[in-house]
Amino acid sequence: MSREDTIEDSSAPLIEHLKELRTRVLWSLGAYVVAVCVVFPFAQSVFNFLSQPVCTALNSRGQDCGLVMIKLQEGFFISVNISFFGGLVLAFPIIGYQMWRFVAPGLYKSEKNAFLPFLLASPAMFLLGAAFSYYVVLPMAFDFFLSFQQAQETPVAAEVAERAVHAGIVFQGSAQEYLGLTMKFILAFGLCFQLPVLLTLMGKAGLISADGLASVRKYAIVAILVLAAVATPPDMMSQIILFCAVYPLYEVSIFLIRRIEKRREAELRAEGLWVEDQEAEDSAKK
């Protein structure tokens, strides 16, 4: 067999994988485009749903709920942004399925059984984080932000000469800016709720251990605080809320990885391999 034939034969599997990847990417893009088109006519309804937290906070103060368009094209771009974001959420099951179809043939049956629960847990944890942000964090955050309003004082005519009138501070928010802030909250909490999924998957693969995570707990606290400062608006309240939501997930990850390690230890002991592994580790440490 010539060298050219050997190279051609070895490149054939790569070409097949690239064709398969192209097919999966095209299916994913097609699903995303269709989802964007489906969401676009309902963009106003989605915006009304997303505006409920600020409307509730304003109504509790006796104020009308109204957001303004600073630019003429702002309303259109609001619908576009909602369509892009909503299309990704709507098409994610199909995109995830296409990713699974591309990766699954290269996995053993045991690897598929280990990886599939994490693939299902990832969107569930994202939705949990998004719901926590929408129903818990956003009402608290907007109520805090609106507390800095200041009613305009109107003195009677006899008092005008005696004291000055201070300016009122009233919320008149931009619709696009409000949408960006709300989506940032939802994305930040949805992505941060992926922490136990990622860490548990790494623990399942043997890349990290429960004792290792516990030993770097103080560094994890600093890292989560930095993440909260970057992912949320620059106010202390939002950062504290995100930290209080994410840090327990770190502890949950340690608990889940410890359970996985105990199950793995039990299996190795049942097969009579645990003692040999322990002796090898002890000799390596010495």
C-alpha atoms as a PDB file:
ATOM      1  CA  MET A   1       0.000   0.000   0.000  1.00  0.00           C
ATOM      2  CA  SER A   2       1.404   3.386  -1.002  1.00  0.00           C
ATOM      3  CA  ARG A   3       1.832   6.269   1.373  1.00  0.00           C
ATOM      4  CA  GLU A   4      -0.821   8.276  -0.472  1.00  0.00           C
ATOM      5  CA  ASP A   5      -3.372   5.472   0.020  1.00  0.00           C
ATOM      6  CA  THR A   6      -2.534   5.271   3.724  1.00  0.00           C
ATOM      7  CA  ILE A   7      -3.047   9.005   4.186  1.00  0.00           C
ATOM      8  CA  GLU A   8      -6.300   8.902   2.233  1.00  0.00           C
ATOM      9  CA  ASP A   9      -7.639   6.017   4.316  1.00  0.00           C
ATOM     10  CA  SER A  10      -6.695   7.701   7.578  1.00  0.00           C
ATOM     11  CA  SER A  11      -8.361  10.949   6.554  1.00  0.00           C
ATOM     12  CA  ALA A  12     -11.629   9.279   5.598  1.00  0.00           C
ATOM     13  CA  PRO A  13     -12.938   9.027   9.204  1.00  0.00           C
ATOM     14  CA  LEU A  14     -12.081  12.696   9.774  1.00  0.00           C
ATOM     15  CA  ILE A  15     -14.040  13.700   6.690  1.00  0.00           C
ATOM     16  CA  GLU A  16     -16.997  11.640   7.874  1.00  0.00           C
ATOM     17  CA  HIS A  17     -16.872  13.344  11.268  1.00  0.00           C
ATOM     18  CA  LEU A  18     -16.742  16.773   9.627  1.00  0.00           C
ATOM     19  CA  LYS A  19     -19.747  15.891   7.469  1.00  0.00           C
ATOM     20  CA  GLU A  20     -21.615  14.704  10.535  1.00  0.00           C
ATOM     21  CA  LEU A  21     -20.673  17.899  12.385  1.00  0.00           C
ATOM     22  CA  ARG A  22     -21.851  20.021   9.478  1.00  0.00           C
ATOM     23  CA  THR A  23     -25.179  18.200   9.425  1.00  0.00           C
ATOM     24  CA  ARG A  24     -25.708  18.688  13.159  1.00  0.00           C
ATOM     25  CA  VAL A  25     -24.747  22.372  12.978  1.00  0.00           C
ATOM     26  CA  LEU A  26     -27.128  22.975  10.064  1.00  0.00           C
ATOM     27  CA  TRP A  27     -29.976  21.276  11.920  1.00  0.00           C
ATOM     28  CA  SER A  28     -29.219  23.391  15.000  1.00  0.00           C
ATOM     29  CA  LEU A  29     -29.064  26.642  13.021  1.00  0.00           C
ATOM     30  CA  GLY A  30     -32.270  25.756  11.187  1.00  0.00           C
ATOM     31  CA  ALA A  31     -34.051  25.045  14.468  1.00  0.00           C
ATOM     32  CA  TYR A  32     -32.788  28.318  15.930  1.00  0.00           C
ATOM     33  CA  VAL A  33     -33.925  30.383  12.932  1.00  0.00           C
ATOM     34  CA  VAL A  34     -37.374  28.762  13.016  1.00  0.00           C
ATOM     35  CA  ALA A  35     -37.615  29.370  16.772  1.00  0.00           C
ATOM     36  CA  VAL A  36     -36.670  33.042  16.351  1.00  0.00           C
ATOM     37  CA  CYS A  37     -39.391  33.457  13.723  1.00  0.00           C
ATOM     38  CA  VAL A  38     -41.909  31.747  16.004  1.00  0.00           C
ATOM     39  CA  VAL A  39     -41.064  33.954  18.996  1.00  0.00           C
ATOM     40  CA  PHE A  40     -41.010  37.282  17.099  1.00  0.00           C
ATOM     41  CA  PRO A  41     -44.826  37.715  16.815  1.00  0.00           C
ATOM     42  CA  PHE A  42     -45.112  37.107  20.569  1.00  0.00           C
ATOM     43  CA  ALA A  43     -42.265  39.435  21.541  1.00  0.00           C
ATOM     44  CA  GLN A  44     -44.615  42.042  23.003  1.00  0.00           C
ATOM     45  CA  SER A  45     -46.330  39.423  25.178  1.00  0.00           C
ATOM     46  CA  VAL A  46     -42.934  38.199  26.381  1.00  0.00           C
ATOM     47  CA  PHE A  47     -41.920  41.770  27.212  1.00  0.00           C
ATOM     48  CA  ASN A  48     -45.147  42.263  29.166  1.00  0.00           C
ATOM     49  CA  PHE A  49     -44.306  39.140  31.152  1.00  0.00           C
ATOM     50  CA  LEU A  50     -40.743  40.317  31.805  1.00  0.00           C
ATOM     51  CA  SER A  51     -41.979  43.749  32.906  1.00  0.00           C
ATOM     52  CA  GLN A  52     -44.184  42.341  35.679  1.00  0.00           C
ATOM     53  CA  PRO A  53     -41.530  42.658  38.442  1.00  0.00           C
ATOM     54  CA  VAL A  54     -40.969  46.384  37.877  1.00  0.00           C
ATOM     55  CA  CYS A  55     -44.692  47.008  37.389  1.00  0.00           C
ATOM     56  CA  THR A  56     -45.441  45.290  40.691  1.00  0.00           C
ATOM     57  CA  ALA A  57     -42.786  47.374  42.447  1.00  0.00           C
ATOM     58  CA  LEU A  58     -44.156  50.602  40.926  1.00  0.00           C
ATOM     59  CA  ASN A  59     -47.793  49.754  41.698  1.00  0.00           C
ATOM     60  CA  SER A  60     -46.904  49.092  45.328  1.00  0.00           C
ATOM     61  CA  ARG A  61     -45.738  52.722  45.458  1.00  0.00           C
ATOM     62  CA  GLY A  62     -48.871  54.049  43.783  1.00  0.00           C
ATOM     63  CA  GLN A  63     -47.051  54.802  40.516  1.00  0.00           C
ATOM     64  CA  ASP A  64     -48.122  53.953  36.996  1.00  0.00           C
ATOM     65  CA  CYS A  65     -46.028  51.362  35.209  1.00  0.00           C
ATOM     66  CA  GLY A  66     -44.552  52.866  32.078  1.00  0.00           C
ATOM     67  CA  LEU A  67     -41.281  52.516  30.187  1.00  0.00           C
ATOM     68  CA  VAL A  68     -40.250  54.958  27.483  1.00  0.00           C
ATOM     69  CA  MET A  69     -38.548  54.573  24.104  1.00  0.00           C
ATOM     70  CA  ILE A  70     -35.486  56.834  24.018  1.00  0.00           C
ATOM     71  CA  LYS A  71     -34.803  56.101  20.355  1.00  0.00           C
ATOM     72  CA  LEU A  72     -37.264  55.720  17.490  1.00  0.00           C
ATOM     73  CA  GLN A  73     -36.062  52.212  16.596  1.00  0.00           C
ATOM     74  CA  GLU A  74     -35.886  51.015  20.193  1.00  0.00           C
ATOM     75  CA  GLY A  75     -39.202  49.163  20.074  1.00  0.00           C
ATOM     76  CA  PHE A  76     -38.114  47.130  17.056  1.00  0.00           C
ATOM     77  CA  PHE A  77     -34.790  46.149  18.601  1.00  0.00           C
ATOM     78  CA  ILE A  78     -36.574  45.116  21.785  1.00  0.00           C
ATOM     79  CA  SER A  79     -38.598  42.627  19.750  1.00  0.00           C
ATOM     80  CA  VAL A  80     -35.435  41.451  17.987  1.00  0.00           C
ATOM     81  CA  ASN A  81     -33.551  40.921  21.244  1.00  0.00           C
ATOM     82  CA  ILE A  82     -36.464  39.018  22.764  1.00  0.00           C
ATOM     83  CA  SER A  83     -36.715  36.882  19.633  1.00  0.00           C
ATOM     84  CA  PHE A  84     -33.011  36.005  19.709  1.00  0.00           C
ATOM     85  CA  PHE A  85     -33.086  35.154  23.398  1.00  0.00           C
ATOM     86  CA  GLY A  86     -36.418  33.336  23.299  1.00  0.00           C
ATOM     87  CA  GLY A  87     -35.443  31.485  20.129  1.00  0.00           C
ATOM     88  CA  LEU A  88     -32.353  30.102  21.842  1.00  0.00           C
ATOM     89  CA  VAL A  89     -34.426  28.900  24.794  1.00  0.00           C
ATOM     90  CA  LEU A  90     -37.077  27.401  22.526  1.00  0.00           C
ATOM     91  CA  ALA A  91     -34.570  25.673  20.242  1.00  0.00           C
ATOM     92  CA  PHE A  92     -32.263  24.443  23.006  1.00  0.00           C
ATOM     93  CA  PRO A  93     -33.839  20.948  23.223  1.00  0.00           C
ATOM     94  CA  ILE A  94     -33.214  20.403  19.518  1.00  0.00           C
ATOM     95  CA  ILE A  95     -29.707  21.887  19.715  1.00  0.00           C
ATOM     96  CA  GLY A  96     -28.909  19.717  22.732  1.00  0.00           C
ATOM     97  CA  TYR A  97     -30.255  16.653  20.919  1.00  0.00           C
ATOM     98  CA  GLN A  98     -28.082  17.367  17.882  1.00  0.00           C
ATOM     99  CA  MET A  99     -25.041  17.756  20.128  1.00  0.00           C
ATOM    100  CA  TRP A 100     -25.879  14.437  21.778  1.00  0.00           C
ATOM    101  CA  ARG A 101     -26.283  12.696  18.414  1.00  0.00           C
ATOM    102  CA  PHE A 102     -22.833  13.919  17.399  1.00  0.00           C
ATOM    103  CA  VAL A 103     -21.078  12.928  20.637  1.00  0.00           C
ATOM    104  CA  ALA A 104     -22.962   9.734  21.543  1.00  0.00           C
ATOM    105  CA  PRO A 105     -21.483   7.404  18.861  1.00  0.00           C
ATOM    106  CA  GLY A 106     -18.002   7.943  20.335  1.00  0.00           C
ATOM    107  CA  LEU A 107     -19.037   6.987  23.865  1.00  0.00           C
ATOM    108  CA  TYR A 108     -19.268   3.625  25.542  1.00  0.00           C
ATOM    109  CA  LYS A 109     -22.598   2.523  26.982  1.00  0.00           C
ATOM    110  CA  SER A 110     -21.418   3.215  30.540  1.00  0.00           C
ATOM    111  CA  GLU A 111     -20.230   6.686  29.496  1.00  0.00           C
ATOM    112  CA  LYS A 112     -23.590   7.410  27.871  1.00  0.00           C
ATOM    113  CA  ASN A 113     -25.417   6.353  31.022  1.00  0.00           C
ATOM    114  CA  ALA A 114     -23.129   8.605  33.088  1.00  0.00           C
ATOM    115  CA  PHE A 115     -23.293  11.625  30.790  1.00  0.00           C
ATOM    116  CA  LEU A 116     -27.003  11.618  29.884  1.00  0.00           C
ATOM    117  CA  PRO A 117     -28.299  12.640  33.369  1.00  0.00           C
ATOM    118  CA  PHE A 118     -26.045  15.700  33.318  1.00  0.00           C
ATOM    119  CA  LEU A 119     -27.287  16.624  29.850  1.00  0.00           C
ATOM    120  CA  LEU A 120     -30.839  16.570  31.187  1.00  0.00           C
ATOM    121  CA  ALA A 121     -29.935  18.335  34.441  1.00  0.00           C
ATOM    122  CA  SER A 122     -28.267  21.282  32.694  1.00  0.00           C
ATOM    123  CA  PRO A 123     -31.414  22.875  31.159  1.00  0.00           C
ATOM    124  CA  ALA A 124     -33.387  22.023  34.310  1.00  0.00           C
ATOM    125  CA  MET A 125     -30.878  23.886  36.495  1.00  0.00           C
ATOM    126  CA  PHE A 126     -30.837  26.820  34.059  1.00  0.00           C
ATOM    127  CA  LEU A 127     -34.632  27.099  34.247  1.00  0.00           C
ATOM    128  CA  LEU A 128     -34.437  26.851  38.031  1.00  0.00           C
ATOM    129  CA  GLY A 129     -31.909  29.684  38.151  1.00  0.00           C
ATOM    130  CA  ALA A 130     -33.959  31.799  35.740  1.00  0.00           C
ATOM    131  CA  ALA A 131     -37.133  31.232  37.781  1.00  0.00           C
ATOM    132  CA  PHE A 132     -35.295  32.093  41.001  1.00  0.00           C
ATOM    133  CA  SER A 133     -34.060  35.312  39.388  1.00  0.00           C
ATOM    134  CA  TYR A 134     -37.487  36.286  38.029  1.00  0.00           C
ATOM    135  CA  TYR A 135     -39.658  35.460  41.037  1.00  0.00           C
ATOM    136  CA  VAL A 136     -37.265  36.209  43.901  1.00  0.00           C
ATOM    137  CA  VAL A 137     -34.304  38.362  42.895  1.00  0.00           C
ATOM    138  CA  LEU A 138     -35.864  40.826  40.444  1.00  0.00           C
ATOM    139  CA  PRO A 139     -38.736  41.952  42.737  1.00  0.00           C
ATOM    140  CA  MET A 140     -36.278  42.508  45.587  1.00  0.00           C
ATOM    141  CA  ALA A 141     -33.766  44.298  43.352  1.00  0.00           C
ATOM    142  CA  PHE A 142     -36.323  46.600  41.716  1.00  0.00           C
ATOM    143  CA  ASP A 143     -37.931  47.406  45.048  1.00  0.00           C
ATOM    144  CA  PHE A 144     -34.477  48.360  46.328  1.00  0.00           C
ATOM    145  CA  PHE A 145     -33.654  50.484  43.273  1.00  0.00           C
ATOM    146  CA  LEU A 146     -36.997  52.312  43.342  1.00  0.00           C
ATOM    147  CA  SER A 147     -36.581  53.162  47.021  1.00  0.00           C
ATOM    148  CA  PHE A 148     -34.143  55.895  45.961  1.00  0.00           C
ATOM    149  CA  GLN A 149     -36.890  57.896  44.286  1.00  0.00           C
ATOM    150  CA  GLN A 150     -37.677  61.261  45.800  1.00  0.00           C
ATOM    151  CA  ALA A 151     -41.062  62.906  45.636  1.00  0.00           C
ATOM    152  CA  GLN A 152     -41.142  66.477  44.455  1.00  0.00           C
ATOM    153  CA  GLU A 153     -42.157  68.885  47.207  1.00  0.00           C
ATOM    154  CA  THR A 154     -44.626  71.661  46.295  1.00  0.00           C
ATOM    155  CA  PRO A 155     -44.838  74.325  49.024  1.00  0.00           C
ATOM    156  CA  VAL A 156     -47.738  76.692  49.435  1.00  0.00           C
ATOM    157  CA  ALA A 157     -47.378  80.244  48.156  1.00  0.00           C
ATOM    158  CA  ALA A 158     -46.590  81.709  51.578  1.00  0.00           C
ATOM    159  CA  GLU A 159     -43.704  79.333  52.053  1.00  0.00           C
ATOM    160  CA  VAL A 160     -42.034  79.864  48.672  1.00  0.00           C
ATOM    161  CA  ALA A 161     -39.898  82.739  49.893  1.00  0.00           C
ATOM    162  CA  GLU A 162     -38.918  80.969  53.091  1.00  0.00           C
ATOM    163  CA  ARG A 163     -37.556  77.688  51.749  1.00  0.00           C
ATOM    164  CA  ALA A 164     -36.357  76.281  48.446  1.00  0.00           C
ATOM    165  CA  VAL A 165     -38.130  73.567  46.500  1.00  0.00           C
ATOM    166  CA  HIS A 166     -36.044  70.390  45.971  1.00  0.00           C
ATOM    167  CA  ALA A 167     -36.141  68.441  42.733  1.00  0.00           C
ATOM    168  CA  GLY A 168     -38.044  65.183  42.519  1.00  0.00           C
ATOM    169  CA  ILE A 169     -36.414  61.913  41.451  1.00  0.00           C
ATOM    170  CA  VAL A 170     -38.865  59.730  39.537  1.00  0.00           C
ATOM    171  CA  PHE A 171     -38.212  56.543  37.595  1.00  0.00           C
ATOM    172  CA  GLN A 172     -38.688  56.949  33.840  1.00  0.00           C
ATOM    173  CA  GLY A 173     -36.756  53.989  32.514  1.00  0.00           C
ATOM    174  CA  SER A 174     -35.818  53.093  28.987  1.00  0.00           C
ATOM    175  CA  ALA A 175     -37.594  49.981  27.765  1.00  0.00           C
ATOM    176  CA  GLN A 176     -34.466  48.618  26.080  1.00  0.00           C
ATOM    177  CA  GLU A 177     -32.288  49.305  29.120  1.00  0.00           C
ATOM    178  CA  TYR A 178     -34.813  47.580  31.379  1.00  0.00           C
ATOM    179  CA  LEU A 179     -34.936  44.552  29.076  1.00  0.00           C
ATOM    180  CA  GLY A 180     -31.129  44.355  29.039  1.00  0.00           C
ATOM    181  CA  LEU A 181     -30.955  44.529  32.840  1.00  0.00           C
ATOM    182  CA  THR A 182     -33.649  41.861  33.279  1.00  0.00           C
ATOM    183  CA  MET A 183     -32.071  39.487  30.765  1.00  0.00           C
ATOM    184  CA  LYS A 184     -28.690  39.992  32.406  1.00  0.00           C
ATOM    185  CA  PHE A 185     -30.129  38.941  35.755  1.00  0.00           C
ATOM    186  CA  ILE A 186     -31.838  35.885  34.263  1.00  0.00           C
ATOM    187  CA  LEU A 187     -28.754  34.787  32.308  1.00  0.00           C
ATOM    188  CA  ALA A 188     -26.436  35.331  35.266  1.00  0.00           C
ATOM    189  CA  PHE A 189     -28.498  33.209  37.633  1.00  0.00           C
ATOM    190  CA  GLY A 190     -29.273  30.593  34.984  1.00  0.00           C
ATOM    191  CA  LEU A 191     -25.585  30.122  34.174  1.00  0.00           C
ATOM    192  CA  CYS A 192     -24.467  30.194  37.812  1.00  0.00           C
ATOM    193  CA  PHE A 193     -26.946  27.431  38.618  1.00  0.00           C
ATOM    194  CA  GLN A 194     -24.915  25.239  36.247  1.00  0.00           C
ATOM    195  CA  LEU A 195     -22.181  25.062  38.894  1.00  0.00           C
ATOM    196  CA  PRO A 196     -23.296  21.800  40.555  1.00  0.00           C
ATOM    197  CA  VAL A 197     -23.817  20.180  37.151  1.00  0.00           C
ATOM    198  CA  LEU A 198     -20.312  21.109  35.991  1.00  0.00           C
ATOM    199  CA  LEU A 199     -18.545  20.196  39.229  1.00  0.00           C
ATOM    200  CA  THR A 200     -20.436  16.927  39.644  1.00  0.00           C
ATOM    201  CA  LEU A 201     -19.639  15.953  36.060  1.00  0.00           C
ATOM    202  CA  MET A 202     -15.958  16.665  36.691  1.00  0.00           C
ATOM    203  CA  GLY A 203     -16.150  14.625  39.887  1.00  0.00           C
ATOM    204  CA  LYS A 204     -17.784  11.782  37.986  1.00  0.00           C
ATOM    205  CA  ALA A 205     -14.901  11.864  35.517  1.00  0.00           C
ATOM    206  CA  GLY A 206     -12.376  11.805  38.367  1.00  0.00           C
ATOM    207  CA  LEU A 207     -10.954  15.240  37.581  1.00  0.00           C
ATOM    208  CA  ILE A 208     -11.774  16.678  41.008  1.00  0.00           C
ATOM    209  CA  SER A 209     -12.599  15.247  44.426  1.00  0.00           C
ATOM    210  CA  ALA A 210     -14.861  16.273  47.294  1.00  0.00           C
ATOM    211  CA  ASP A 211     -11.893  16.698  49.619  1.00  0.00           C
ATOM    212  CA  GLY A 212     -10.155  18.842  47.018  1.00  0.00           C
ATOM    213  CA  LEU A 213     -13.155  21.148  46.700  1.00  0.00           C
ATOM    214  CA  ALA A 214     -13.500  21.352  50.466  1.00  0.00           C
ATOM    215  CA  SER A 215      -9.826  22.257  50.868  1.00  0.00           C
ATOM    216  CA  VAL A 216     -10.149  25.247  48.515  1.00  0.00           C
ATOM    217  CA  ARG A 217     -13.437  26.449  49.995  1.00  0.00           C
ATOM    218  CA  LYS A 218     -12.033  29.844  51.009  1.00  0.00           C
ATOM    219  CA  TYR A 219     -10.724  30.451  47.495  1.00  0.00           C
ATOM    220  CA  ALA A 220     -14.087  29.380  46.080  1.00  0.00           C
ATOM    221  CA  ILE A 221     -15.801  31.994  48.249  1.00  0.00           C
ATOM    222  CA  VAL A 222     -13.568  34.720  46.805  1.00  0.00           C
ATOM    223  CA  ALA A 223     -14.120  33.428  43.256  1.00  0.00           C
ATOM    224  CA  ILE A 224     -17.907  33.405  43.723  1.00  0.00           C
ATOM    225  CA  LEU A 225     -17.803  36.954  45.089  1.00  0.00           C
ATOM    226  CA  VAL A 226     -15.810  38.090  42.059  1.00  0.00           C
ATOM    227  CA  LEU A 227     -18.257  36.286  39.758  1.00  0.00           C
ATOM    228  CA  ALA A 228     -21.184  37.969  41.501  1.00  0.00           C
ATOM    229  CA  ALA A 229     -19.532  41.369  41.083  1.00  0.00           C
ATOM    230  CA  VAL A 230     -19.002  40.791  37.347  1.00  0.00           C
ATOM    231  CA  ALA A 231     -22.312  39.106  36.516  1.00  0.00           C
ATOM    232  CA  THR A 232     -24.679  41.483  38.322  1.00  0.00           C
ATOM    233  CA  PRO A 233     -25.237  45.251  38.216  1.00  0.00           C
ATOM    234  CA  PRO A 234     -22.866  47.303  40.382  1.00  0.00           C
ATOM    235  CA  ASP A 235     -24.879  47.254  43.581  1.00  0.00           C
ATOM    236  CA  MET A 236     -24.086  45.357  46.742  1.00  0.00           C
ATOM    237  CA  MET A 237     -27.568  43.899  47.158  1.00  0.00           C
ATOM    238  CA  SER A 238     -27.569  42.008  43.838  1.00  0.00           C
ATOM    239  CA  GLN A 239     -24.080  40.679  44.474  1.00  0.00           C
ATOM    240  CA  ILE A 240     -25.012  39.410  47.935  1.00  0.00           C
ATOM    241  CA  ILE A 241     -28.146  37.704  46.596  1.00  0.00           C
ATOM    242  CA  LEU A 242     -26.191  35.964  43.834  1.00  0.00           C
ATOM    243  CA  PHE A 243     -23.505  34.877  46.287  1.00  0.00           C
ATOM    244  CA  CYS A 244     -26.103  33.520  48.718  1.00  0.00           C
ATOM    245  CA  ALA A 245     -27.659  31.546  45.859  1.00  0.00           C
ATOM    246  CA  VAL A 246     -24.447  30.179  44.300  1.00  0.00           C
ATOM    247  CA  TYR A 247     -22.383  29.291  47.363  1.00  0.00           C
ATOM    248  CA  PRO A 248     -24.904  26.702  48.662  1.00  0.00           C
ATOM    249  CA  LEU A 249     -24.707  25.106  45.211  1.00  0.00           C
ATOM    250  CA  TYR A 250     -20.955  24.743  45.740  1.00  0.00           C
ATOM    251  CA  GLU A 251     -21.623  22.881  48.979  1.00  0.00           C
ATOM    252  CA  VAL A 252     -24.237  20.752  47.207  1.00  0.00           C
ATOM    253  CA  SER A 253     -21.602  19.865  44.606  1.00  0.00           C
ATOM    254  CA  ILE A 254     -19.245  18.671  47.347  1.00  0.00           C
ATOM    255  CA  PHE A 255     -22.033  16.520  48.795  1.00  0.00           C
ATOM    256  CA  LEU A 256     -22.910  14.986  45.406  1.00  0.00           C
ATOM    257  CA  ILE A 257     -19.270  14.265  44.525  1.00  0.00           C
ATOM    258  CA  ARG A 258     -18.750  12.638  47.927  1.00  0.00           C
ATOM    259  CA  ARG A 259     -21.707  10.353  47.260  1.00  0.00           C
ATOM    260  CA  ILE A 260     -20.247   9.447  43.863  1.00  0.00           C
ATOM    261  CA  GLU A 261     -16.895   8.666  45.482  1.00  0.00           C
ATOM    262  CA  LYS A 262     -18.533   6.466  48.121  1.00  0.00           C
ATOM    263  CA  ARG A 263     -20.431   4.570  45.436  1.00  0.00           C
ATOM    264  CA  ARG A 264     -17.241   4.121  43.433  1.00  0.00           C
ATOM    265  CA  GLU A 265     -15.416   2.923  46.551  1.00  0.00           C
ATOM    266  CA  ALA A 266     -18.165   0.393  47.254  1.00  0.00           C
ATOM    267  CA  GLU A 267     -17.942  -0.947  43.710  1.00  0.00           C
ATOM    268  CA  LEU A 268     -14.151  -1.272  43.897  1.00  0.00           C
ATOM    269  CA  ARG A 269     -14.374  -3.007  47.254  1.00  0.00           C
ATOM    270  CA  ALA A 270     -16.915  -5.444  45.847  1.00  0.00           C
ATOM    271  CA  GLU A 271     -14.520  -6.237  42.993  1.00  0.00           C
ATOM    272  CA  GLY A 272     -11.565  -6.533  45.381  1.00  0.00           C
ATOM    273  CA  LEU A 273      -9.672  -3.651  43.776  1.00  0.00           C
ATOM    274  CA  TRP A 274      -9.933  -0.998  46.452  1.00  0.00           C
ATOM    275  CA  VAL A 275      -7.081  -2.269  48.636  1.00  0.00           C
ATOM    276  CA  GLU A 276      -4.709  -2.433  45.694  1.00  0.00           C
ATOM    277  CA  ASP A 277      -5.606   1.127  44.720  1.00  0.00           C
ATOM    278  CA  GLN A 278      -5.095   2.326  48.265  1.00  0.00           C
ATOM    279  CA  GLU A 279      -1.689   0.661  48.550  1.00  0.00           C
ATOM    280  CA  ALA A 280      -0.635   2.194  45.229  1.00  0.00           C
ATOM    281  CA  GLU A 281      -1.722   5.647  46.404  1.00  0.00           C
ATOM    282  CA  ASP A 282       0.080   5.239  49.736  1.00  0.00           C
ATOM    283  CA  SER A 283       3.297   4.145  48.042  1.00  0.00           C
ATOM    284  CA  ALA A 284       3.031   7.045  45.592  1.00  0.00           C
ATOM    285  CA  LYS A 285       2.675   9.503  48.482  1.00  0.00           C
ATOM    286  CA  LYS A 286       5.762   8.049  50.181  1.00  0.00           C
END
